[in-house]
Amino acid sequence: MRVATQDLYCGAYILSKGGSLEEVKIAGARGGRPSVTFVLAGQGVEELAREFQSGQAQANVTAFKIAMMHLKDVMFATLRGERLEA
């Protein structure tokens, strides 16, 4: 299963619940800024995305923070053109 999202918080939630970051895509500028899409994979990622979008998400705060920091690091490295392990 795979899910693509531009929502940093949704991506961090999925990562904090055991999903894995498969790819980071950069699309053309939207309002002068590039658009970043996170592609996440793993068992149940679609259900996790639905939980998040419906307001039913519950996460360990520490795991969520670590996932958020990781996504930001990967996102900014990708935007700078650096290669960072997803």
PDB file of N, CA and C in Angstrom:
ATOM      1  N   MET A   1       0.830  -1.182   0.000  1.00  0.00           N
ATOM      2  CA  MET A   1       0.000   0.000   0.000  1.00  0.00           C
ATOM      3  C   MET A   1       0.879   1.251   0.000  1.00  0.00           C
ATOM      4  N   ARG A   2       0.385   2.263  -0.708  1.00  0.00           N
ATOM      5  CA  ARG A   2       1.109   3.540  -0.769  1.00  0.00           C
ATOM      6  C   ARG A   2       0.120   4.687  -0.635  1.00  0.00           C
ATOM      7  N   VAL A   3       0.582   5.777  -0.047  1.00  0.00           N
ATOM      8  CA  VAL A   3      -0.201   6.998   0.090  1.00  0.00           C
ATOM      9  C   VAL A   3       0.703   8.166  -0.270  1.00  0.00           C
ATOM     10  N   ALA A   4       0.168   9.116  -1.032  1.00  0.00           N
ATOM     11  CA  ALA A   4       0.900  10.344  -1.346  1.00  0.00           C
ATOM     12  C   ALA A   4       0.182  11.499  -0.665  1.00  0.00           C
ATOM     13  N   THR A   5       0.941  12.360  -0.003  1.00  0.00           N
ATOM     14  CA  THR A   5       0.351  13.514   0.668  1.00  0.00           C
ATOM     15  C   THR A   5       1.312  14.697   0.629  1.00  0.00           C
ATOM     16  N   GLN A   6       0.744  15.874   0.602  1.00  0.00           N
ATOM     17  CA  GLN A   6       1.543  17.091   0.715  1.00  0.00           C
ATOM     18  C   GLN A   6       1.472  17.649   2.140  1.00  0.00           C
ATOM     19  N   ASP A   7       0.706  16.991   2.983  1.00  0.00           N
ATOM     20  CA  ASP A   7       0.500  17.419   4.364  1.00  0.00           C
ATOM     21  C   ASP A   7       1.622  16.860   5.246  1.00  0.00           C
ATOM     22  N   LEU A   8       2.475  17.741   5.715  1.00  0.00           N
ATOM     23  CA  LEU A   8       3.605  17.356   6.548  1.00  0.00           C
ATOM     24  C   LEU A   8       3.140  16.637   7.810  1.00  0.00           C
ATOM     25  N   TYR A   9       2.071  17.121   8.421  1.00  0.00           N
ATOM     26  CA  TYR A   9       1.568  16.533   9.661  1.00  0.00           C
ATOM     27  C   TYR A   9       0.994  15.138   9.420  1.00  0.00           C
ATOM     28  N   CYS A  10       0.274  14.970   8.338  1.00  0.00           N
ATOM     29  CA  CYS A  10      -0.264  13.652   7.991  1.00  0.00           C
ATOM     30  C   CYS A  10       0.884  12.670   7.738  1.00  0.00           C
ATOM     31  N   GLY A  11       1.889  13.112   7.009  1.00  0.00           N
ATOM     32  CA  GLY A  11       3.049  12.267   6.761  1.00  0.00           C
ATOM     33  C   GLY A  11       3.754  11.868   8.043  1.00  0.00           C
ATOM     34  N   ALA A  12       3.915  12.814   8.947  1.00  0.00           N
ATOM     35  CA  ALA A  12       4.565  12.521  10.227  1.00  0.00           C
ATOM     36  C   ALA A  12       3.731  11.547  11.048  1.00  0.00           C
ATOM     37  N   TYR A  13       2.409  11.697  10.995  1.00  0.00           N
ATOM     38  CA  TYR A  13       1.540  10.764  11.719  1.00  0.00           C
ATOM     39  C   TYR A  13       1.726   9.344  11.186  1.00  0.00           C
ATOM     40  N   ILE A  14       1.707   9.203   9.867  1.00  0.00           N
ATOM     41  CA  ILE A  14       1.864   7.874   9.262  1.00  0.00           C
ATOM     42  C   ILE A  14       3.231   7.273   9.615  1.00  0.00           C
ATOM     43  N   LEU A  15       4.281   8.084   9.543  1.00  0.00           N
ATOM     44  CA  LEU A  15       5.615   7.591   9.922  1.00  0.00           C
ATOM     45  C   LEU A  15       5.652   7.173  11.389  1.00  0.00           C
ATOM     46  N   SER A  16       5.027   7.966  12.255  1.00  0.00           N
ATOM     47  CA  SER A  16       5.052   7.668  13.686  1.00  0.00           C
ATOM     48  C   SER A  16       4.288   6.401  14.027  1.00  0.00           C
ATOM     49  N   LYS A  17       3.432   5.957  13.109  1.00  0.00           N
ATOM     50  CA  LYS A  17       2.647   4.741  13.332  1.00  0.00           C
ATOM     51  C   LYS A  17       3.204   3.544  12.569  1.00  0.00           C
ATOM     52  N   GLY A  18       4.413   3.668  12.013  1.00  0.00           N
ATOM     53  CA  GLY A  18       5.070   2.530  11.398  1.00  0.00           C
ATOM     54  C   GLY A  18       5.182   2.552   9.886  1.00  0.00           C
ATOM     55  N   GLY A  19       4.640   3.574   9.237  1.00  0.00           N
ATOM     56  CA  GLY A  19       4.799   3.697   7.789  1.00  0.00           C
ATOM     57  C   GLY A  19       6.238   4.042   7.448  1.00  0.00           C
ATOM     58  N   SER A  20       6.578   3.914   6.189  1.00  0.00           N
ATOM     59  CA  SER A  20       7.940   4.265   5.777  1.00  0.00           C
ATOM     60  C   SER A  20       7.886   5.276   4.632  1.00  0.00           C
ATOM     61  N   LEU A  21       8.862   6.152   4.622  1.00  0.00           N
ATOM     62  CA  LEU A  21       8.964   7.158   3.572  1.00  0.00           C
ATOM     63  C   LEU A  21       9.627   6.519   2.368  1.00  0.00           C
ATOM     64  N   GLU A  22       8.880   6.429   1.286  1.00  0.00           N
ATOM     65  CA  GLU A  22       9.380   5.772   0.081  1.00  0.00           C
ATOM     66  C   GLU A  22      10.008   6.768  -0.891  1.00  0.00           C
ATOM     67  N   GLU A  23       9.434   7.967  -0.965  1.00  0.00           N
ATOM     68  CA  GLU A  23       9.893   8.934  -1.962  1.00  0.00           C
ATOM     69  C   GLU A  23       9.443  10.341  -1.564  1.00  0.00           C
ATOM     70  N   VAL A  24      10.222  11.330  -1.978  1.00  0.00           N
ATOM     71  CA  VAL A  24       9.851  12.739  -1.832  1.00  0.00           C
ATOM     72  C   VAL A  24       9.898  13.337  -3.229  1.00  0.00           C
ATOM     73  N   LYS A  25       8.766  13.856  -3.680  1.00  0.00           N
ATOM     74  CA  LYS A  25       8.673  14.434  -5.019  1.00  0.00           C
ATOM     75  C   LYS A  25       8.541  15.947  -4.916  1.00  0.00           C
ATOM     76  N   ILE A  26       9.203  16.652  -5.822  1.00  0.00           N
ATOM     77  CA  ILE A  26       9.086  18.111  -5.893  1.00  0.00           C
ATOM     78  C   ILE A  26       8.411  18.452  -7.206  1.00  0.00           C
ATOM     79  N   ALA A  27       7.316  19.197  -7.107  1.00  0.00           N
ATOM     80  CA  ALA A  27       6.590  19.616  -8.305  1.00  0.00           C
ATOM     81  C   ALA A  27       6.861  21.095  -8.545  1.00  0.00           C
ATOM     82  N   GLY A  28       6.352  21.588  -9.662  1.00  0.00           N
ATOM     83  CA  GLY A  28       6.532  22.988 -10.024  1.00  0.00           C
ATOM     84  C   GLY A  28       6.059  23.939  -8.945  1.00  0.00           C
ATOM     85  N   ALA A  29       6.516  25.148  -9.061  1.00  0.00           N
ATOM     86  CA  ALA A  29       6.211  26.172  -8.066  1.00  0.00           C
ATOM     87  C   ALA A  29       4.713  26.440  -7.986  1.00  0.00           C
ATOM     88  N   ARG A  30       4.241  26.549  -6.767  1.00  0.00           N
ATOM     89  CA  ARG A  30       2.852  26.896  -6.491  1.00  0.00           C
ATOM     90  C   ARG A  30       2.898  28.183  -5.669  1.00  0.00           C
ATOM     91  N   GLY A  31       2.500  29.284  -6.269  1.00  0.00           N
ATOM     92  CA  GLY A  31       2.601  30.562  -5.568  1.00  0.00           C
ATOM     93  C   GLY A  31       4.043  30.977  -5.353  1.00  0.00           C
ATOM     94  N   GLY A  32       4.935  30.581  -6.273  1.00  0.00           N
ATOM     95  CA  GLY A  32       6.330  30.960  -6.151  1.00  0.00           C
ATOM     96  C   GLY A  32       7.178  29.977  -5.364  1.00  0.00           C
ATOM     97  N   ARG A  33       6.549  28.959  -4.771  1.00  0.00           N
ATOM     98  CA  ARG A  33       7.288  27.969  -3.984  1.00  0.00           C
ATOM     99  C   ARG A  33       7.075  26.574  -4.562  1.00  0.00           C
ATOM    100  N   PRO A  34       8.088  25.730  -4.473  1.00  0.00           N
ATOM    101  CA  PRO A  34       7.910  24.361  -4.964  1.00  0.00           C
ATOM    102  C   PRO A  34       6.936  23.594  -4.069  1.00  0.00           C
ATOM    103  N   SER A  35       6.277  22.626  -4.656  1.00  0.00           N
ATOM    104  CA  SER A  35       5.330  21.788  -3.947  1.00  0.00           C
ATOM    105  C   SER A  35       5.986  20.441  -3.659  1.00  0.00           C
ATOM    106  N   VAL A  36       5.952  20.024  -2.406  1.00  0.00           N
ATOM    107  CA  VAL A  36       6.590  18.774  -1.999  1.00  0.00           C
ATOM    108  C   VAL A  36       5.508  17.737  -1.685  1.00  0.00           C
ATOM    109  N   THR A  37       5.675  16.538  -2.237  1.00  0.00           N
ATOM    110  CA  THR A  37       4.757  15.436  -1.979  1.00  0.00           C
ATOM    111  C   THR A  37       5.542  14.297  -1.350  1.00  0.00           C
ATOM    112  N   PHE A  38       5.024  13.769  -0.259  1.00  0.00           N
ATOM    113  CA  PHE A  38       5.623  12.633   0.415  1.00  0.00           C
ATOM    114  C   PHE A  38       4.874  11.378  -0.012  1.00  0.00           C
ATOM    115  N   VAL A  39       5.608  10.347  -0.397  1.00  0.00           N
ATOM    116  CA  VAL A  39       5.006   9.062  -0.740  1.00  0.00           C
ATOM    117  C   VAL A  39       5.389   8.096   0.381  1.00  0.00           C
ATOM    118  N   LEU A  40       4.361   7.611   1.075  1.00  0.00           N
ATOM    119  CA  LEU A  40       4.570   6.734   2.220  1.00  0.00           C
ATOM    120  C   LEU A  40       4.026   5.347   1.904  1.00  0.00           C
ATOM    121  N   ALA A  41       4.684   4.339   2.437  1.00  0.00           N
ATOM    122  CA  ALA A  41       4.296   2.964   2.146  1.00  0.00           C
ATOM    123  C   ALA A  41       4.229   2.160   3.441  1.00  0.00           C
ATOM    124  N   GLY A  42       3.542   1.039   3.338  1.00  0.00           N
ATOM    125  CA  GLY A  42       3.458   0.126   4.471  1.00  0.00           C
ATOM    126  C   GLY A  42       2.049  -0.383   4.656  1.00  0.00           C
ATOM    127  N   GLN A  43       1.944  -1.365   5.498  1.00  0.00           N
ATOM    128  CA  GLN A  43       0.652  -1.964   5.769  1.00  0.00           C
ATOM    129  C   GLN A  43      -0.231  -0.971   6.522  1.00  0.00           C
ATOM    130  N   GLY A  44      -1.425  -0.735   6.011  1.00  0.00           N
ATOM    131  CA  GLY A  44      -2.390   0.115   6.696  1.00  0.00           C
ATOM    132  C   GLY A  44      -2.203   1.607   6.527  1.00  0.00           C
ATOM    133  N   VAL A  45      -1.335   2.054   5.612  1.00  0.00           N
ATOM    134  CA  VAL A  45      -1.100   3.500   5.484  1.00  0.00           C
ATOM    135  C   VAL A  45      -2.347   4.247   5.007  1.00  0.00           C
ATOM    136  N   GLU A  46      -3.167   3.604   4.191  1.00  0.00           N
ATOM    137  CA  GLU A  46      -4.393   4.264   3.743  1.00  0.00           C
ATOM    138  C   GLU A  46      -5.341   4.500   4.915  1.00  0.00           C
ATOM    139  N   GLU A  47      -5.450   3.524   5.791  1.00  0.00           N
ATOM    140  CA  GLU A  47      -6.290   3.668   6.978  1.00  0.00           C
ATOM    141  C   GLU A  47      -5.736   4.755   7.907  1.00  0.00           C
ATOM    142  N   LEU A  48      -4.428   4.802   8.057  1.00  0.00           N
ATOM    143  CA  LEU A  48      -3.813   5.843   8.889  1.00  0.00           C
ATOM    144  C   LEU A  48      -4.088   7.231   8.321  1.00  0.00           C
ATOM    145  N   ALA A  49      -4.028   7.362   7.000  1.00  0.00           N
ATOM    146  CA  ALA A  49      -4.327   8.654   6.366  1.00  0.00           C
ATOM    147  C   ALA A  49      -5.783   9.040   6.627  1.00  0.00           C
ATOM    148  N   ARG A  50      -6.696   8.075   6.543  1.00  0.00           N
ATOM    149  CA  ARG A  50      -8.118   8.358   6.825  1.00  0.00           C
ATOM    150  C   ARG A  50      -8.321   8.758   8.279  1.00  0.00           C
ATOM    151  N   GLU A  51      -7.636   8.061   9.207  1.00  0.00           N
ATOM    152  CA  GLU A  51      -7.725   8.415  10.627  1.00  0.00           C
ATOM    153  C   GLU A  51      -7.305   9.863  10.835  1.00  0.00           C
ATOM    154  N   PHE A  52      -6.185  10.232  10.230  1.00  0.00           N
ATOM    155  CA  PHE A  52      -5.678  11.595  10.387  1.00  0.00           C
ATOM    156  C   PHE A  52      -6.664  12.612   9.825  1.00  0.00           C
ATOM    157  N   GLN A  53      -7.144  12.371   8.623  1.00  0.00           N
ATOM    158  CA  GLN A  53      -8.031  13.317   7.954  1.00  0.00           C
ATOM    159  C   GLN A  53      -9.387  13.439   8.642  1.00  0.00           C
ATOM    160  N   SER A  54      -9.811  12.390   9.335  1.00  0.00           N
ATOM    161  CA  SER A  54     -11.113  12.428  10.009  1.00  0.00           C
ATOM    162  C   SER A  54     -11.031  12.943  11.441  1.00  0.00           C
ATOM    163  N   GLY A  55      -9.814  13.231  11.903  1.00  0.00           N
ATOM    164  CA  GLY A  55      -9.651  13.740  13.265  1.00  0.00           C
ATOM    165  C   GLY A  55      -9.589  12.644  14.314  1.00  0.00           C
ATOM    166  N   GLN A  56      -9.446  11.401  13.898  1.00  0.00           N
ATOM    167  CA  GLN A  56      -9.398  10.265  14.817  1.00  0.00           C
ATOM    168  C   GLN A  56      -7.973   9.849  15.176  1.00  0.00           C
ATOM    169  N   ALA A  57      -6.987  10.592  14.704  1.00  0.00           N
ATOM    170  CA  ALA A  57      -5.584  10.228  14.913  1.00  0.00           C
ATOM    171  C   ALA A  57      -5.184  10.357  16.379  1.00  0.00           C
ATOM    172  N   GLN A  58      -4.458   9.367  16.848  1.00  0.00           N
ATOM    173  CA  GLN A  58      -3.853   9.394  18.171  1.00  0.00           C
ATOM    174  C   GLN A  58      -2.429   8.883  18.013  1.00  0.00           C
ATOM    175  N   ALA A  59      -1.483   9.644  18.547  1.00  0.00           N
ATOM    176  CA  ALA A  59      -0.084   9.259  18.361  1.00  0.00           C
ATOM    177  C   ALA A  59       0.723   9.524  19.616  1.00  0.00           C
ATOM    178  N   ASN A  60       1.814   8.803  19.736  1.00  0.00           N
ATOM    179  CA  ASN A  60       2.792   9.075  20.767  1.00  0.00           C
ATOM    180  C   ASN A  60       3.490  10.376  20.373  1.00  0.00           C
ATOM    181  N   VAL A  61       3.491  11.346  21.248  1.00  0.00           N
ATOM    182  CA  VAL A  61       4.017  12.675  20.926  1.00  0.00           C
ATOM    183  C   VAL A  61       5.504  12.617  20.567  1.00  0.00           C
ATOM    184  N   THR A  62       6.263  11.818  21.268  1.00  0.00           N
ATOM    185  CA  THR A  62       7.690  11.712  20.982  1.00  0.00           C
ATOM    186  C   THR A  62       7.925  11.111  19.603  1.00  0.00           C
ATOM    187  N   ALA A  63       7.203  10.043  19.278  1.00  0.00           N
ATOM    188  CA  ALA A  63       7.343   9.418  17.964  1.00  0.00           C
ATOM    189  C   ALA A  63       6.913  10.383  16.860  1.00  0.00           C
ATOM    190  N   PHE A  64       5.848  11.143  17.116  1.00  0.00           N
ATOM    191  CA  PHE A  64       5.365  12.112  16.139  1.00  0.00           C
ATOM    192  C   PHE A  64       6.405  13.208  15.910  1.00  0.00           C
ATOM    193  N   LYS A  65       7.006  13.705  16.975  1.00  0.00           N
ATOM    194  CA  LYS A  65       8.023  14.757  16.859  1.00  0.00           C
ATOM    195  C   LYS A  65       9.236  14.259  16.081  1.00  0.00           C
ATOM    196  N   ILE A  66       9.692  13.051  16.365  1.00  0.00           N
ATOM    197  CA  ILE A  66      10.834  12.481  15.650  1.00  0.00           C
ATOM    198  C   ILE A  66      10.512  12.337  14.170  1.00  0.00           C
ATOM    199  N   ALA A  67       9.303  11.855  13.864  1.00  0.00           N
ATOM    200  CA  ALA A  67       8.883  11.694  12.468  1.00  0.00           C
ATOM    201  C   ALA A  67       8.809  13.052  11.769  1.00  0.00           C
ATOM    202  N   MET A  68       8.296  14.060  12.455  1.00  0.00           N
ATOM    203  CA  MET A  68       8.194  15.404  11.894  1.00  0.00           C
ATOM    204  C   MET A  68       9.591  15.956  11.579  1.00  0.00           C
ATOM    205  N   MET A  69      10.526  15.807  12.498  1.00  0.00           N
ATOM    206  CA  MET A  69      11.882  16.296  12.278  1.00  0.00           C
ATOM    207  C   MET A  69      12.537  15.573  11.102  1.00  0.00           C
ATOM    208  N   HIS A  70      12.304  14.274  11.000  1.00  0.00           N
ATOM    209  CA  HIS A  70      12.874  13.503   9.897  1.00  0.00           C
ATOM    210  C   HIS A  70      12.317  13.974   8.556  1.00  0.00           C
ATOM    211  N   LEU A  71      10.996  14.142   8.472  1.00  0.00           N
ATOM    212  CA  LEU A  71      10.389  14.611   7.223  1.00  0.00           C
ATOM    213  C   LEU A  71      10.908  15.990   6.830  1.00  0.00           C
ATOM    214  N   LYS A  72      11.036  16.874   7.795  1.00  0.00           N
ATOM    215  CA  LYS A  72      11.559  18.210   7.501  1.00  0.00           C
ATOM    216  C   LYS A  72      12.995  18.130   6.985  1.00  0.00           C
ATOM    217  N   ASP A  73      13.823  17.318   7.639  1.00  0.00           N
ATOM    218  CA  ASP A  73      15.214  17.160   7.194  1.00  0.00           C
ATOM    219  C   ASP A  73      15.273  16.660   5.753  1.00  0.00           C
ATOM    220  N   VAL A  74      14.495  15.622   5.457  1.00  0.00           N
ATOM    221  CA  VAL A  74      14.485  15.050   4.110  1.00  0.00           C
ATOM    222  C   VAL A  74      13.939  16.061   3.105  1.00  0.00           C
ATOM    223  N   MET A  75      12.868  16.747   3.484  1.00  0.00           N
ATOM    224  CA  MET A  75      12.241  17.724   2.585  1.00  0.00           C
ATOM    225  C   MET A  75      13.216  18.853   2.233  1.00  0.00           C
ATOM    226  N   PHE A  76      13.841  19.444   3.239  1.00  0.00           N
ATOM    227  CA  PHE A  76      14.754  20.560   2.973  1.00  0.00           C
ATOM    228  C   PHE A  76      16.002  20.108   2.227  1.00  0.00           C
ATOM    229  N   ALA A  77      16.507  18.924   2.532  1.00  0.00           N
ATOM    230  CA  ALA A  77      17.657  18.399   1.787  1.00  0.00           C
ATOM    231  C   ALA A  77      17.277  18.181   0.325  1.00  0.00           C
ATOM    232  N   THR A  78      16.085  17.662   0.088  1.00  0.00           N
ATOM    233  CA  THR A  78      15.614  17.446  -1.281  1.00  0.00           C
ATOM    234  C   THR A  78      15.469  18.777  -2.015  1.00  0.00           C
ATOM    235  N   LEU A  79      14.937  19.768  -1.341  1.00  0.00           N
ATOM    236  CA  LEU A  79      14.776  21.085  -1.958  1.00  0.00           C
ATOM    237  C   LEU A  79      16.127  21.719  -2.290  1.00  0.00           C
ATOM    238  N   ARG A  80      17.142  21.427  -1.490  1.00  0.00           N
ATOM    239  CA  ARG A  80      18.489  21.956  -1.747  1.00  0.00           C
ATOM    240  C   ARG A  80      19.237  21.120  -2.770  1.00  0.00           C
ATOM    241  N   GLY A  81      18.639  20.006  -3.189  1.00  0.00           N
ATOM    242  CA  GLY A  81      19.280  19.147  -4.176  1.00  0.00           C
ATOM    243  C   GLY A  81      20.260  18.169  -3.577  1.00  0.00           C
ATOM    244  N   GLU A  82      20.231  18.002  -2.277  1.00  0.00           N
ATOM    245  CA  GLU A  82      21.122  17.057  -1.620  1.00  0.00           C
ATOM    246  C   GLU A  82      20.468  15.686  -1.590  1.00  0.00           C
ATOM    247  N   ARG A  83      21.286  14.674  -1.466  1.00  0.00           N
ATOM    248  CA  ARG A  83      20.772  13.304  -1.384  1.00  0.00           C
ATOM    249  C   ARG A  83      20.798  12.886   0.086  1.00  0.00           C
ATOM    250  N   LEU A  84      19.629  12.632   0.648  1.00  0.00           N
ATOM    251  CA  LEU A  84      19.513  12.212   2.046  1.00  0.00           C
ATOM    252  C   LEU A  84      18.651  10.968   2.055  1.00  0.00           C
ATOM    253  N   GLU A  85      19.037   9.990   2.824  1.00  0.00           N
ATOM    254  CA  GLU A  85      18.282   8.748   2.876  1.00  0.00           C
ATOM    255  C   GLU A  85      16.877   9.012   3.404  1.00  0.00           C
ATOM    256  N   ALA A  86      15.890   8.503   2.676  1.00  0.00           N
ATOM    257  CA  ALA A  86      14.490   8.614   3.092  1.00  0.00           C
ATOM    258  C   ALA A  86      14.259   7.611   4.167  1.00  0.00           C
TER     259      ALA A  86
END
